[in-house]
Amino acid sequence: MTRTLDAWFDLATDLDVDLVVHDSLSRQWAIVEGNQPRVVIKDGTVVARDGELVA
């Protein structure tokens, strides 16, 4: 069973990550557009890529 990144954020709203990479012109547009992060990094490890959990 594959869990999406949206489901993961729903379960862990206080998630502490080091870096979130969006495919947007700026961080403000990433918020306004509400698109999914391309890559999420925690403790130097990619934990999500293109909406799918890696770790």
PDB file of N, CA and C in Angstrom:
ATOM      1  N   MET A   1       0.836  -1.178   0.000  1.00  0.00           N
ATOM      2  CA  MET A   1       0.000   0.000   0.000  1.00  0.00           C
ATOM      3  C   MET A   1       0.884   1.246   0.000  1.00  0.00           C
ATOM      4  N   THR A   2       0.623   2.165  -0.892  1.00  0.00           N
ATOM      5  CA  THR A   2       1.400   3.387  -1.004  1.00  0.00           C
ATOM      6  C   THR A   2       0.667   4.526  -0.321  1.00  0.00           C
ATOM      7  N   ARG A   3       1.351   5.222   0.548  1.00  0.00           N
ATOM      8  CA  ARG A   3       0.764   6.396   1.206  1.00  0.00           C
ATOM      9  C   ARG A   3       1.246   7.634   0.486  1.00  0.00           C
ATOM     10  N   THR A   4       0.328   8.538   0.211  1.00  0.00           N
ATOM     11  CA  THR A   4       0.717   9.769  -0.461  1.00  0.00           C
ATOM     12  C   THR A   4       1.237  10.764   0.554  1.00  0.00           C
ATOM     13  N   LEU A   5       1.923  11.761   0.045  1.00  0.00           N
ATOM     14  CA  LEU A   5       2.468  12.802   0.910  1.00  0.00           C
ATOM     15  C   LEU A   5       1.348  13.576   1.593  1.00  0.00           C
ATOM     16  N   ASP A   6       0.225  13.803   0.888  1.00  0.00           N
ATOM     17  CA  ASP A   6      -0.919  14.497   1.496  1.00  0.00           C
ATOM     18  C   ASP A   6      -1.420  13.743   2.720  1.00  0.00           C
ATOM     19  N   ALA A   7      -1.538  12.431   2.608  1.00  0.00           N
ATOM     20  CA  ALA A   7      -2.007  11.628   3.737  1.00  0.00           C
ATOM     21  C   ALA A   7      -1.018  11.702   4.888  1.00  0.00           C
ATOM     22  N   TRP A   8       0.262  11.722   4.572  1.00  0.00           N
ATOM     23  CA  TRP A   8       1.292  11.801   5.597  1.00  0.00           C
ATOM     24  C   TRP A   8       1.201  13.123   6.350  1.00  0.00           C
ATOM     25  N   PHE A   9       1.030  14.250   5.610  1.00  0.00           N
ATOM     26  CA  PHE A   9       0.912  15.548   6.258  1.00  0.00           C
ATOM     27  C   PHE A   9      -0.370  15.652   7.070  1.00  0.00           C
ATOM     28  N   ASP A  10      -1.443  14.990   6.633  1.00  0.00           N
ATOM     29  CA  ASP A  10      -2.684  14.978   7.408  1.00  0.00           C
ATOM     30  C   ASP A  10      -2.462  14.300   8.756  1.00  0.00           C
ATOM     31  N   LEU A  11      -1.632  13.266   8.769  1.00  0.00           N
ATOM     32  CA  LEU A  11      -1.374  12.535  10.006  1.00  0.00           C
ATOM     33  C   LEU A  11      -0.371  13.242  10.901  1.00  0.00           C
ATOM     34  N   ALA A  12       0.542  14.001  10.309  1.00  0.00           N
ATOM     35  CA  ALA A  12       1.616  14.644  11.075  1.00  0.00           C
ATOM     36  C   ALA A  12       1.672  16.132  10.739  1.00  0.00           C
ATOM     37  N   THR A  13       0.754  16.903  11.272  1.00  0.00           N
ATOM     38  CA  THR A  13       0.704  18.323  10.948  1.00  0.00           C
ATOM     39  C   THR A  13       1.863  19.096  11.559  1.00  0.00           C
ATOM     40  N   ASP A  14       2.479  18.567  12.593  1.00  0.00           N
ATOM     41  CA  ASP A  14       3.617  19.241  13.214  1.00  0.00           C
ATOM     42  C   ASP A  14       4.944  18.670  12.697  1.00  0.00           C
ATOM     43  N   LEU A  15       4.931  18.176  11.486  1.00  0.00           N
ATOM     44  CA  LEU A  15       6.098  17.559  10.877  1.00  0.00           C
ATOM     45  C   LEU A  15       7.262  18.533  10.820  1.00  0.00           C
ATOM     46  N   ASP A  16       8.430  18.090  11.255  1.00  0.00           N
ATOM     47  CA  ASP A  16       9.633  18.910  11.267  1.00  0.00           C
ATOM     48  C   ASP A  16      10.586  18.386  10.200  1.00  0.00           C
ATOM     49  N   VAL A  17      10.736  19.144   9.114  1.00  0.00           N
ATOM     50  CA  VAL A  17      11.636  18.739   8.037  1.00  0.00           C
ATOM     51  C   VAL A  17      12.689  19.814   7.838  1.00  0.00           C
ATOM     52  N   ASP A  18      13.774  19.452   7.150  1.00  0.00           N
ATOM     53  CA  ASP A  18      14.869  20.384   6.927  1.00  0.00           C
ATOM     54  C   ASP A  18      14.695  21.209   5.660  1.00  0.00           C
ATOM     55  N   LEU A  19      14.152  20.604   4.600  1.00  0.00           N
ATOM     56  CA  LEU A  19      14.044  21.299   3.321  1.00  0.00           C
ATOM     57  C   LEU A  19      12.866  20.748   2.538  1.00  0.00           C
ATOM     58  N   VAL A  20      12.070  21.651   1.969  1.00  0.00           N
ATOM     59  CA  VAL A  20      10.958  21.283   1.094  1.00  0.00           C
ATOM     60  C   VAL A  20      11.170  22.011  -0.223  1.00  0.00           C
ATOM     61  N   VAL A  21      11.194  21.261  -1.334  1.00  0.00           N
ATOM     62  CA  VAL A  21      11.423  21.837  -2.659  1.00  0.00           C
ATOM     63  C   VAL A  21      10.112  21.797  -3.446  1.00  0.00           C
ATOM     64  N   HIS A  22       9.674  22.975  -3.894  1.00  0.00           N
ATOM     65  CA  HIS A  22       8.460  23.084  -4.700  1.00  0.00           C
ATOM     66  C   HIS A  22       8.817  23.478  -6.122  1.00  0.00           C
ATOM     67  N   ASP A  23       7.953  23.140  -7.071  1.00  0.00           N
ATOM     68  CA  ASP A  23       8.110  23.549  -8.457  1.00  0.00           C
ATOM     69  C   ASP A  23       7.274  24.813  -8.672  1.00  0.00           C
ATOM     70  N   SER A  24       7.713  25.906  -8.056  1.00  0.00           N
ATOM     71  CA  SER A  24       7.010  27.190  -8.120  1.00  0.00           C
ATOM     72  C   SER A  24       8.024  28.307  -8.314  1.00  0.00           C
ATOM     73  N   LEU A  25       7.528  29.462  -8.715  1.00  0.00           N
ATOM     74  CA  LEU A  25       8.408  30.599  -8.938  1.00  0.00           C
ATOM     75  C   LEU A  25       9.013  31.138  -7.649  1.00  0.00           C
ATOM     76  N   SER A  26       8.275  31.014  -6.539  1.00  0.00           N
ATOM     77  CA  SER A  26       8.757  31.495  -5.247  1.00  0.00           C
ATOM     78  C   SER A  26       8.044  30.726  -4.144  1.00  0.00           C
ATOM     79  N   ARG A  27       8.499  30.911  -2.920  1.00  0.00           N
ATOM     80  CA  ARG A  27       7.827  30.229  -1.805  1.00  0.00           C
ATOM     81  C   ARG A  27       6.411  30.758  -1.605  1.00  0.00           C
ATOM     82  N   GLN A  28       6.209  32.027  -1.926  1.00  0.00           N
ATOM     83  CA  GLN A  28       4.861  32.588  -1.817  1.00  0.00           C
ATOM     84  C   GLN A  28       3.916  31.909  -2.814  1.00  0.00           C
ATOM     85  N   TRP A  29       4.381  31.693  -4.052  1.00  0.00           N
ATOM     86  CA  TRP A  29       3.551  31.026  -5.050  1.00  0.00           C
ATOM     87  C   TRP A  29       3.303  29.572  -4.672  1.00  0.00           C
ATOM     88  N   ALA A  30       4.244  28.938  -4.023  1.00  0.00           N
ATOM     89  CA  ALA A  30       4.044  27.558  -3.580  1.00  0.00           C
ATOM     90  C   ALA A  30       2.879  27.490  -2.596  1.00  0.00           C
ATOM     91  N   ILE A  31       2.773  28.489  -1.738  1.00  0.00           N
ATOM     92  CA  ILE A  31       1.672  28.533  -0.769  1.00  0.00           C
ATOM     93  C   ILE A  31       0.356  28.845  -1.472  1.00  0.00           C
ATOM     94  N   VAL A  32       0.379  29.847  -2.353  1.00  0.00           N
ATOM     95  CA  VAL A  32      -0.841  30.266  -3.049  1.00  0.00           C
ATOM     96  C   VAL A  32      -1.359  29.142  -3.947  1.00  0.00           C
ATOM     97  N   GLU A  33      -0.472  28.509  -4.706  1.00  0.00           N
ATOM     98  CA  GLU A  33      -0.875  27.451  -5.617  1.00  0.00           C
ATOM     99  C   GLU A  33      -1.265  26.174  -4.891  1.00  0.00           C
ATOM    100  N   GLY A  34      -0.686  25.950  -3.725  1.00  0.00           N
ATOM    101  CA  GLY A  34      -1.018  24.772  -2.931  1.00  0.00           C
ATOM    102  C   GLY A  34      -0.583  23.459  -3.571  1.00  0.00           C
ATOM    103  N   ASN A  35       0.434  23.516  -4.427  1.00  0.00           N
ATOM    104  CA  ASN A  35       0.876  22.280  -5.071  1.00  0.00           C
ATOM    105  C   ASN A  35       1.750  21.450  -4.131  1.00  0.00           C
ATOM    106  N   GLN A  36       1.869  20.169  -4.458  1.00  0.00           N
ATOM    107  CA  GLN A  36       2.651  19.260  -3.631  1.00  0.00           C
ATOM    108  C   GLN A  36       4.138  19.538  -3.758  1.00  0.00           C
ATOM    109  N   PRO A  37       4.877  19.331  -2.686  1.00  0.00           N
ATOM    110  CA  PRO A  37       6.332  19.472  -2.771  1.00  0.00           C
ATOM    111  C   PRO A  37       6.924  18.439  -3.718  1.00  0.00           C
ATOM    112  N   ARG A  38       7.972  18.830  -4.437  1.00  0.00           N
ATOM    113  CA  ARG A  38       8.671  17.888  -5.318  1.00  0.00           C
ATOM    114  C   ARG A  38       9.549  16.948  -4.497  1.00  0.00           C
ATOM    115  N   VAL A  39      10.252  17.520  -3.502  1.00  0.00           N
ATOM    116  CA  VAL A  39      11.157  16.732  -2.665  1.00  0.00           C
ATOM    117  C   VAL A  39      11.060  17.247  -1.235  1.00  0.00           C
ATOM    118  N   VAL A  40      11.054  16.328  -0.268  1.00  0.00           N
ATOM    119  CA  VAL A  40      11.078  16.681   1.155  1.00  0.00           C
ATOM    120  C   VAL A  40      12.285  15.979   1.771  1.00  0.00           C
ATOM    121  N   ILE A  41      13.126  16.751   2.471  1.00  0.00           N
ATOM    122  CA  ILE A  41      14.356  16.213   3.059  1.00  0.00           C
ATOM    123  C   ILE A  41      14.329  16.398   4.568  1.00  0.00           C
ATOM    124  N   LYS A  42      14.685  15.340   5.294  1.00  0.00           N
ATOM    125  CA  LYS A  42      14.778  15.375   6.759  1.00  0.00           C
ATOM    126  C   LYS A  42      16.061  14.683   7.169  1.00  0.00           C
ATOM    127  N   ASP A  43      16.841  15.341   7.996  1.00  0.00           N
ATOM    128  CA  ASP A  43      18.115  14.797   8.488  1.00  0.00           C
ATOM    129  C   ASP A  43      19.014  14.333   7.337  1.00  0.00           C
ATOM    130  N   GLY A  44      19.016  15.096   6.232  1.00  0.00           N
ATOM    131  CA  GLY A  44      19.880  14.788   5.100  1.00  0.00           C
ATOM    132  C   GLY A  44      19.405  13.651   4.223  1.00  0.00           C
ATOM    133  N   THR A  45      18.196  13.145   4.448  1.00  0.00           N
ATOM    134  CA  THR A  45      17.658  12.027   3.680  1.00  0.00           C
ATOM    135  C   THR A  45      16.374  12.446   2.996  1.00  0.00           C
ATOM    136  N   VAL A  46      16.222  12.074   1.734  1.00  0.00           N
ATOM    137  CA  VAL A  46      14.972  12.339   1.017  1.00  0.00           C
ATOM    138  C   VAL A  46      13.904  11.414   1.596  1.00  0.00           C
ATOM    139  N   VAL A  47      12.836  11.997   2.143  1.00  0.00           N
ATOM    140  CA  VAL A  47      11.760  11.190   2.726  1.00  0.00           C
ATOM    141  C   VAL A  47      10.520  11.151   1.840  1.00  0.00           C
ATOM    142  N   ALA A  48      10.427  12.093   0.879  1.00  0.00           N
ATOM    143  CA  ALA A  48       9.300  12.076  -0.055  1.00  0.00           C
ATOM    144  C   ALA A  48       9.742  12.684  -1.376  1.00  0.00           C
ATOM    145  N   ARG A  49       9.215  12.123  -2.451  1.00  0.00           N
ATOM    146  CA  ARG A  49       9.544  12.623  -3.791  1.00  0.00           C
ATOM    147  C   ARG A  49       8.296  12.551  -4.659  1.00  0.00           C
ATOM    148  N   ASP A  50       7.923  13.687  -5.256  1.00  0.00           N
ATOM    149  CA  ASP A  50       6.766  13.767  -6.152  1.00  0.00           C
ATOM    150  C   ASP A  50       5.487  13.226  -5.514  1.00  0.00           C
ATOM    151  N   GLY A  51       5.288  13.537  -4.243  1.00  0.00           N
ATOM    152  CA  GLY A  51       4.050  13.158  -3.563  1.00  0.00           C
ATOM    153  C   GLY A  51       4.025  11.762  -2.989  1.00  0.00           C
ATOM    154  N   GLU A  52       5.086  10.999  -3.149  1.00  0.00           N
ATOM    155  CA  GLU A  52       5.147   9.633  -2.617  1.00  0.00           C
ATOM    156  C   GLU A  52       6.214   9.541  -1.537  1.00  0.00           C
ATOM    157  N   LEU A  53       5.900   8.854  -0.456  1.00  0.00           N
ATOM    158  CA  LEU A  53       6.881   8.653   0.605  1.00  0.00           C
ATOM    159  C   LEU A  53       7.986   7.726   0.129  1.00  0.00           C
ATOM    160  N   VAL A  54       9.210   8.080   0.424  1.00  0.00           N
ATOM    161  CA  VAL A  54      10.358   7.253   0.059  1.00  0.00           C
ATOM    162  C   VAL A  54      10.801   6.430   1.260  1.00  0.00           C
ATOM    163  N   ALA A  55      10.798   7.062   2.420  1.00  0.00           N
ATOM    164  CA  ALA A  55      11.265   6.372   3.640  1.00  0.00           C
ATOM    165  C   ALA A  55      10.111   5.862   4.455  1.00  0.00           C
TER     166      ALA A  55
END
